[in-house]
Every structure is written in structure tokens, then in C-alpha cells.
Amino acid sequence: MPDAQNAPIEYLISVTNIESENVVMERSALKGLKTPQTLSKQEQSQPPKLTKPGRHTHFDLPADRVSDWHVQGVLMSHFLNTMSIMAPAVERFTMSNTMYFQRRTELSQLRPRVMELLSQEAAHRFEHTLYNRLLEAAGLPAAQLERQVEKLLNAALGGQWVSPSFRLAVVLMFEHHAALVSKMTLERPELLNGSVNAFKQLWLWHAREEVQHKSVAYDVWINAVGSGVKAYLLRIGAVVLAGLPTLVTALFIFTALLAAERNRRIDARSAWHFLKGFVGPKGVVPTIAPGWFRYLLPGFHPDKEGS
């Protein structure tokens, strides 16, 4: 049986042997997706072919505002654009590795929840790929940066020396961070108020669905890997080993977008507001830090974080 990184998504779905409406929807939503190892050099050099997910929400993003759609200006716009560039590779990684372990769990009640996660993540990947093409059309190196994220995930986590359990632990890290930021976004509408509406609605939609499925991968983890000392150390090890490279990758993409930005002015005032939005009293870091500390505790579960 192929491992989670090498198996096509279609295979990962088919091996569940669930003949239901959800599976038909997922086959449609994920048709054509490949993991980094199965992409040829020619495919890696071209924009990915998109298959519209079976359950799909469309956002008519205005191309002329892709660099400054956020009310706070270019810096915050490109910070969130950075998240969009990373999304397709991270969503694919999440889907393939969650599905790999879901097949190995004995609790059939998890399967509909995993299918829901797959459906949502496939739609996220679809929308963010379209979003990223707008960035590319605006003269920003979005396609190149997307490929670099794919290659990094492949190089760091795609080898035979990386256990499937460690890959799933990295998925937990990604999902936890997404849930924390999404919860903050939904609880504080002022963070997006005044921004271009289509972009605002896309990020609110993404945030709602991340909160909805925040515990799915974790429950797969508990049933497939366990909740003992070994599982705990593996989960924390993923944060220690993969957390910093993920942060560095995000900073690299953010810097690359700003360096390629020729048409927008960044002044001291906007830089101050951007920094304040991250490290100020109500900034991103102080808001999500307690949730990250709780993640490091042995008894952590996403459902304890509230909705």
C-alpha cells in the first residue's frame, strides 16, 4: 500500500470502501490532485489544473485590489496573501495524511467527519489557487512561491525516513494554528471590517470551516496513534522540528511579495499599524499565544478550546 505522501488522493479515498454520496462528492472535489512526489518537472512548472469541488462557494475577487485589499493596506494584505500562497500545499498535505490514517481507525463514525474535512479543504485549495493566480497576474511571484512550498514539504516530510505518524503530527500543528487564527478572526470582526468585501468574505468562510473541522485530524490521531506518552512526545516534536521552518517559510514568502511590489507605497504609519496588529495588546501573537501554550499540555484536545 502506498504511503500518505506517495498515494494519489483518489486512491486514498477509494481504499475506504465507503460507497456513499459523500465519496462521490469527494471524488469530484479531489479529482486530479497529486502529491509533490507524483508531479513531473513539467507539471511543477505549470499552474495546477483545477477541478471545481462538488460543494463550492465562489468569490469574485477583484484582480486590481489583490495587493491592497485589506483596510490596513499593503502589509496586512500581503501577510494574508502569504497565507493564501501556502494554503494549496498545506491543504493537500492535510488531506492526504489525514486520509491515510483514517483508513486505519476502527471507529466508523469518524469517516463522515473526515469526508467533511476533505470536502472543505479541497474547496479551500481550489479558491486559494484561484486567488494566487490573481497575485501572479499582478506581477507577483505567486506560482514560483507556491512551488517552493510544495518542494519544501516534499523535501522535509516526503522521504521514507519520515514516519506517517510524524506527518500526521505536523498536520495537527497546521490545523491547530489555523483554528486559533480562525477563531480570533471570527470573534473580532473589526480585523477585516472595511476591507474589500470579496476578500473579507473568503477569509471569513475559510475561518468558519477551519473552526468547524478543528478536531477531526486530532480525533483521527487519538484513534490511530494514541494519547499516551509516545504520542504526546511525537506531537510536541512536530512543533519543535516543523514549527520554525514553517515560520521561516512564511516570512520568506511575505518578504518576497513585498520585494516584488512596485506599485504600492509602504509608509511608516502603515508599518506601525502592522506591527501593532501583531504584537500589540490585542495583536495576533498575544491573542493566540495562550492557545499554543495549551497545545503543549499532555491533556490538550481542540474541543476544549471552545468554538
Protein backbone atom coordinates (compact mmCIF):
# COMPACT_ATOMS: atom_id res chain seq x y z
CA MET A 1 0.00 0.00 0.00
CA PRO A 2 1.42 3.45 -0.87
CA ASP A 3 2.24 5.76 1.99
CA ALA A 4 0.34 9.00 2.54
CA GLN A 5 2.77 11.15 0.60
CA ASN A 6 3.05 8.96 -2.49
CA ALA A 7 -0.55 7.84 -2.86
CA PRO A 8 -2.82 9.84 -5.18
CA ILE A 9 -5.78 11.37 -3.35
CA GLU A 10 -8.17 9.27 -5.48
CA TYR A 11 -6.50 6.12 -4.10
CA LEU A 12 -6.73 7.32 -0.52
CA ILE A 13 -10.45 7.86 -0.95
CA SER A 14 -11.13 4.61 -2.76
CA VAL A 15 -9.47 2.43 -0.13
CA THR A 16 -12.02 3.50 2.47
CA ASN A 17 -14.54 1.38 0.56
CA ILE A 18 -17.42 3.64 1.56
CA GLU A 19 -19.97 3.86 -1.22
CA SER A 20 -21.92 6.95 -0.29
CA GLU A 21 -22.90 10.34 -1.63
CA ASN A 22 -20.02 11.85 0.29
CA VAL A 23 -17.49 9.71 -1.54
CA VAL A 24 -18.92 10.70 -4.91
CA MET A 25 -18.63 14.32 -3.86
CA GLU A 26 -15.05 13.83 -2.69
CA ARG A 27 -14.02 12.05 -5.89
CA SER A 28 -15.28 15.10 -7.77
CA ALA A 29 -13.71 17.60 -5.38
CA LEU A 30 -10.28 15.98 -5.28
CA LYS A 31 -10.04 14.59 -8.80
CA GLY A 32 -6.68 15.28 -10.34
CA LEU A 33 -4.83 16.28 -7.20
CA LYS A 34 -1.36 14.83 -6.82
CA THR A 35 1.14 14.83 -4.02
CA PRO A 36 4.51 16.53 -4.63
CA GLN A 37 6.24 13.22 -5.38
CA THR A 38 3.88 12.41 -8.25
CA LEU A 39 4.28 15.75 -10.03
CA SER A 40 6.53 15.69 -13.09
CA LYS A 41 9.00 18.53 -13.67
CA GLN A 42 6.77 19.81 -16.46
CA GLU A 43 3.72 19.80 -14.17
CA GLN A 44 5.66 21.59 -11.45
CA SER A 45 6.50 24.39 -13.88
CA GLN A 46 2.87 24.96 -14.89
CA PRO A 47 -0.14 26.28 -12.95
CA PRO A 48 -2.13 23.40 -11.42
CA LYS A 49 -5.22 22.24 -13.25
CA LEU A 50 -8.28 22.92 -11.16
CA THR A 51 -11.30 20.70 -10.77
CA LYS A 52 -14.19 22.53 -9.20
CA PRO A 53 -15.10 20.89 -5.87
CA GLY A 54 -18.50 19.26 -5.67
CA ARG A 55 -19.56 21.62 -2.89
CA HIS A 56 -18.27 25.03 -3.78
CA THR A 57 -18.56 28.65 -2.73
CA HIS A 58 -17.39 31.18 -5.31
CA PHE A 59 -15.75 34.51 -4.54
CA ASP A 60 -15.42 37.10 -7.28
CA LEU A 61 -12.14 38.61 -6.12
CA PRO A 62 -11.29 41.93 -7.80
CA ALA A 63 -7.93 41.50 -9.51
CA ASP A 64 -6.99 45.15 -9.23
CA ARG A 65 -7.15 45.05 -5.42
CA VAL A 66 -5.23 41.84 -4.75
CA SER A 67 -2.20 43.74 -3.40
CA ASP A 68 -4.06 46.16 -1.15
CA TRP A 69 -7.42 44.63 -0.36
CA HIS A 70 -7.07 44.84 3.43
CA VAL A 71 -8.23 48.01 5.17
CA GLN A 72 -4.79 48.38 6.79
CA GLY A 73 -3.03 48.45 3.44
CA VAL A 74 -0.31 46.58 1.61
CA LEU A 75 1.48 44.99 4.58
CA MET A 76 -1.55 43.25 6.04
CA SER A 77 -2.83 42.40 2.56
CA HIS A 78 0.42 40.65 1.70
CA PHE A 79 0.60 38.93 5.07
CA LEU A 80 -2.73 37.27 4.32
CA ASN A 81 -1.68 36.77 0.70
CA THR A 82 1.26 34.83 2.15
CA MET A 83 -1.19 32.51 3.90
CA SER A 84 -3.03 32.05 0.61
CA ILE A 85 0.18 31.10 -1.21
CA MET A 86 0.96 28.48 1.43
CA ALA A 87 -2.60 27.13 1.51
CA PRO A 88 -2.70 24.79 -1.54
CA ALA A 89 0.34 22.75 -0.45
CA VAL A 90 -0.70 22.68 3.20
CA GLU A 91 -4.28 21.67 2.34
CA ARG A 92 -3.03 18.83 0.12
CA PHE A 93 -0.67 17.67 2.86
CA THR A 94 -3.51 17.75 5.39
CA MET A 95 -5.90 15.83 3.16
CA SER A 96 -3.51 13.05 2.18
CA ASN A 97 -2.14 12.39 5.66
CA THR A 98 -5.48 12.56 7.46
CA MET A 99 -6.99 10.16 4.94
CA TYR A 100 -4.05 7.77 5.27
CA PHE A 101 -4.69 7.34 8.99
CA GLN A 102 -8.47 7.47 8.84
CA ARG A 103 -8.28 4.22 6.89
CA ARG A 104 -6.54 2.66 9.89
CA THR A 105 -9.06 3.67 12.53
CA GLU A 106 -11.78 1.30 13.64
CA LEU A 107 -14.31 3.98 14.55
CA SER A 108 -16.59 4.22 11.55
CA GLN A 109 -18.21 7.37 12.95
CA LEU A 110 -15.03 9.27 12.14
CA ARG A 111 -15.40 8.63 8.42
CA PRO A 112 -18.18 11.15 7.71
CA ARG A 113 -16.23 13.79 9.64
CA VAL A 114 -13.08 13.05 7.66
CA MET A 115 -15.04 13.29 4.42
CA GLU A 116 -16.38 16.66 5.55
CA LEU A 117 -12.83 17.82 6.27
CA LEU A 118 -11.70 16.63 2.83
CA SER A 119 -14.55 18.45 1.15
CA GLN A 120 -13.79 21.68 2.96
CA GLU A 121 -10.03 21.50 2.46
CA ALA A 122 -10.47 20.73 -1.24
CA ALA A 123 -12.66 23.81 -1.63
CA HIS A 124 -10.08 25.90 0.26
CA ARG A 125 -7.34 24.67 -2.03
CA PHE A 126 -9.43 25.46 -5.10
CA GLU A 127 -10.26 29.00 -4.02
CA HIS A 128 -6.75 29.84 -2.87
CA THR A 129 -5.28 28.59 -6.13
CA LEU A 130 -7.56 31.00 -8.00
CA TYR A 131 -6.63 33.72 -5.51
CA ASN A 132 -2.93 33.03 -6.12
CA ARG A 133 -3.37 33.29 -9.87
CA LEU A 134 -4.58 36.85 -9.34
CA LEU A 135 -1.36 37.55 -7.46
CA GLU A 136 0.63 36.10 -10.35
CA ALA A 137 -1.32 38.20 -12.86
CA ALA A 138 -0.48 41.27 -10.78
CA GLY A 139 3.22 40.64 -11.38
CA LEU A 140 3.94 38.90 -8.08
CA PRO A 141 5.85 35.57 -7.96
CA ALA A 142 2.95 33.57 -6.56
CA ALA A 143 3.34 30.48 -8.77
CA GLN A 144 7.05 30.20 -8.02
CA LEU A 145 6.44 30.62 -4.29
CA GLU A 146 3.66 28.01 -4.34
CA ARG A 147 6.03 25.52 -5.96
CA GLN A 148 8.69 26.27 -3.37
CA VAL A 149 6.25 25.46 -0.56
CA GLU A 150 5.42 22.17 -2.28
CA LYS A 151 9.10 21.34 -2.70
CA LEU A 152 9.86 22.21 0.92
CA LEU A 153 7.11 19.95 2.25
CA ASN A 154 8.30 17.21 -0.09
CA ALA A 155 11.96 17.57 0.89
CA ALA A 156 11.33 17.85 4.62
CA LEU A 157 8.48 15.38 5.09
CA GLY A 158 8.18 13.29 1.95
CA GLY A 159 11.07 10.92 2.45
CA GLN A 160 10.84 7.31 3.57
CA TRP A 161 12.74 8.26 6.73
CA VAL A 162 9.76 10.33 7.93
CA SER A 163 7.13 8.24 9.67
CA PRO A 164 3.45 8.63 8.74
CA SER A 165 2.78 9.38 12.42
CA PHE A 166 5.15 12.35 12.35
CA ARG A 167 3.45 13.66 9.21
CA LEU A 168 0.09 13.48 10.94
CA ALA A 169 1.58 15.29 13.94
CA VAL A 170 2.59 18.09 11.56
CA VAL A 171 -1.00 18.14 10.27
CA LEU A 172 -2.17 18.63 13.87
CA MET A 173 0.17 21.60 14.19
CA PHE A 174 -1.14 23.16 10.97
CA GLU A 175 -4.76 22.56 11.95
CA HIS A 176 -4.31 23.95 15.45
CA HIS A 177 -2.71 27.15 14.21
CA ALA A 178 -5.43 27.56 11.58
CA ALA A 179 -8.13 27.05 14.22
CA LEU A 180 -6.60 29.61 16.60
CA VAL A 181 -6.27 32.30 13.94
CA SER A 182 -9.72 31.48 12.55
CA LYS A 183 -11.37 31.71 15.97
CA MET A 184 -9.73 35.10 16.52
CA THR A 185 -10.90 36.30 13.10
CA LEU A 186 -14.50 35.28 13.75
CA GLU A 187 -14.59 36.72 17.27
CA ARG A 188 -13.13 40.06 16.21
CA PRO A 189 -14.90 41.29 13.07
CA GLU A 190 -13.03 44.59 13.28
CA LEU A 191 -9.95 42.78 11.97
CA LEU A 192 -11.49 42.63 8.49
CA ASN A 193 -14.12 45.37 8.59
CA GLY A 194 -13.51 47.98 5.93
CA SER A 195 -11.57 45.58 3.69
CA VAL A 196 -12.62 44.74 0.13
CA ASN A 197 -15.73 42.65 0.67
CA ALA A 198 -14.94 39.68 -1.59
CA PHE A 199 -11.59 39.07 0.12
CA LYS A 200 -13.19 39.59 3.52
CA GLN A 201 -15.90 37.03 2.77
CA LEU A 202 -13.36 34.49 1.50
CA TRP A 203 -11.32 34.68 4.69
CA LEU A 204 -14.42 34.56 6.91
CA TRP A 205 -15.67 31.49 5.02
CA HIS A 206 -12.27 29.83 5.37
CA ALA A 207 -12.17 30.67 9.08
CA ARG A 208 -15.65 29.24 9.74
CA GLU A 209 -14.78 25.93 8.11
CA GLU A 210 -11.42 25.66 9.89
CA VAL A 211 -13.22 26.04 13.22
CA GLN A 212 -15.86 23.51 12.16
CA HIS A 213 -13.34 20.74 11.47
CA LYS A 214 -10.68 21.74 14.01
CA SER A 215 -10.82 18.45 15.94
CA VAL A 216 -11.17 15.97 13.06
CA ALA A 217 -7.48 15.29 12.46
CA TYR A 218 -6.87 15.21 16.20
CA ASP A 219 -9.53 12.54 16.73
CA VAL A 220 -8.01 10.52 13.89
CA TRP A 221 -4.66 10.92 15.68
CA ILE A 222 -6.04 9.66 19.01
CA ASN A 223 -7.62 6.61 17.41
CA ALA A 224 -4.69 5.76 15.12
CA VAL A 225 -1.66 6.83 17.16
CA GLY A 226 -2.96 7.09 20.71
CA SER A 227 -2.86 9.54 23.59
CA GLY A 228 -0.01 8.18 25.70
CA VAL A 229 3.47 9.48 26.38
CA LYS A 230 4.86 8.41 22.99
CA ALA A 231 2.03 10.11 21.11
CA TYR A 232 2.46 13.26 23.20
CA LEU A 233 6.21 13.44 22.57
CA LEU A 234 5.66 12.91 18.86
CA ARG A 235 3.06 15.68 18.75
CA ILE A 236 5.33 18.12 20.57
CA GLY A 237 8.31 17.01 18.49
CA ALA A 238 6.45 18.07 15.35
CA VAL A 239 6.06 21.59 16.76
CA VAL A 240 9.74 21.75 17.72
CA LEU A 241 11.04 20.41 14.40
CA ALA A 242 8.49 21.77 11.92
CA GLY A 243 7.29 24.95 13.61
CA LEU A 244 10.33 27.12 12.97
CA PRO A 245 10.77 26.08 9.31
CA THR A 246 7.09 26.88 8.74
CA LEU A 247 7.52 30.33 10.26
CA VAL A 248 10.68 30.98 8.24
CA THR A 249 8.88 29.92 5.06
CA ALA A 250 6.04 32.34 5.77
CA LEU A 251 8.50 35.18 6.42
CA PHE A 252 10.36 34.38 3.20
CA ILE A 253 7.16 34.49 1.14
CA PHE A 254 5.99 37.69 2.83
CA THR A 255 9.34 39.35 2.13
CA ALA A 256 9.33 38.14 -1.48
CA LEU A 257 5.87 39.62 -2.06
CA LEU A 258 6.90 42.96 -0.60
CA ALA A 259 10.13 42.98 -2.62
CA ALA A 260 8.18 42.36 -5.83
CA GLU A 261 5.63 45.07 -5.02
CA ARG A 262 6.43 48.05 -7.23
CA ASN A 263 3.14 49.89 -7.35
CA ARG A 264 2.22 50.33 -3.68
CA ARG A 265 3.71 52.68 -1.14
CA ILE A 266 4.51 51.47 2.38
CA ASP A 267 4.96 54.32 4.84
CA ALA A 268 5.99 54.41 8.49
CA ARG A 269 2.40 54.76 9.69
CA SER A 270 1.22 51.62 7.92
CA ALA A 271 4.28 49.72 9.19
CA TRP A 272 3.46 50.80 12.75
CA HIS A 273 -0.17 49.66 12.44
CA PHE A 274 1.01 46.35 11.03
CA LEU A 275 3.43 45.72 13.91
CA LYS A 276 0.81 46.82 16.43
CA GLY A 277 -1.62 44.36 14.90
CA PHE A 278 0.82 41.56 15.62
CA VAL A 279 2.50 42.31 18.92
CA GLY A 280 0.25 45.00 20.43
CA PRO A 281 -2.05 44.25 23.40
CA LYS A 282 -4.80 42.96 21.09
CA GLY A 283 -2.44 41.69 18.41
CA VAL A 284 -2.25 38.28 16.81
CA VAL A 285 0.63 36.99 18.94
CA PRO A 286 -0.85 37.85 22.39
CA THR A 287 -4.24 36.54 21.27
CA ILE A 288 -3.16 33.10 20.06
CA ALA A 289 -0.20 32.53 22.42
CA PRO A 290 -2.33 31.06 25.26
CA GLY A 291 -3.84 28.57 22.81
CA TRP A 292 -0.37 27.49 21.74
CA PHE A 293 0.72 27.01 25.34
CA ARG A 294 -2.34 24.83 25.96
CA TYR A 295 -1.45 22.78 22.88
CA LEU A 296 1.81 21.82 24.59
CA LEU A 297 -0.03 20.30 27.56
CA PRO A 298 -0.50 16.50 27.71
CA GLY A 299 -4.29 16.67 28.10
CA PHE A 300 -4.91 19.00 25.17
CA HIS A 301 -7.87 18.49 22.85
CA PRO A 302 -9.16 21.02 20.28
CA ASP A 303 -12.73 20.76 21.56
CA LYS A 304 -11.60 22.16 24.91
CA GLU A 305 -10.71 25.41 23.14
CA GLY A 306 -14.33 26.38 22.56
CA SER A 307 -15.92 27.35 19.25
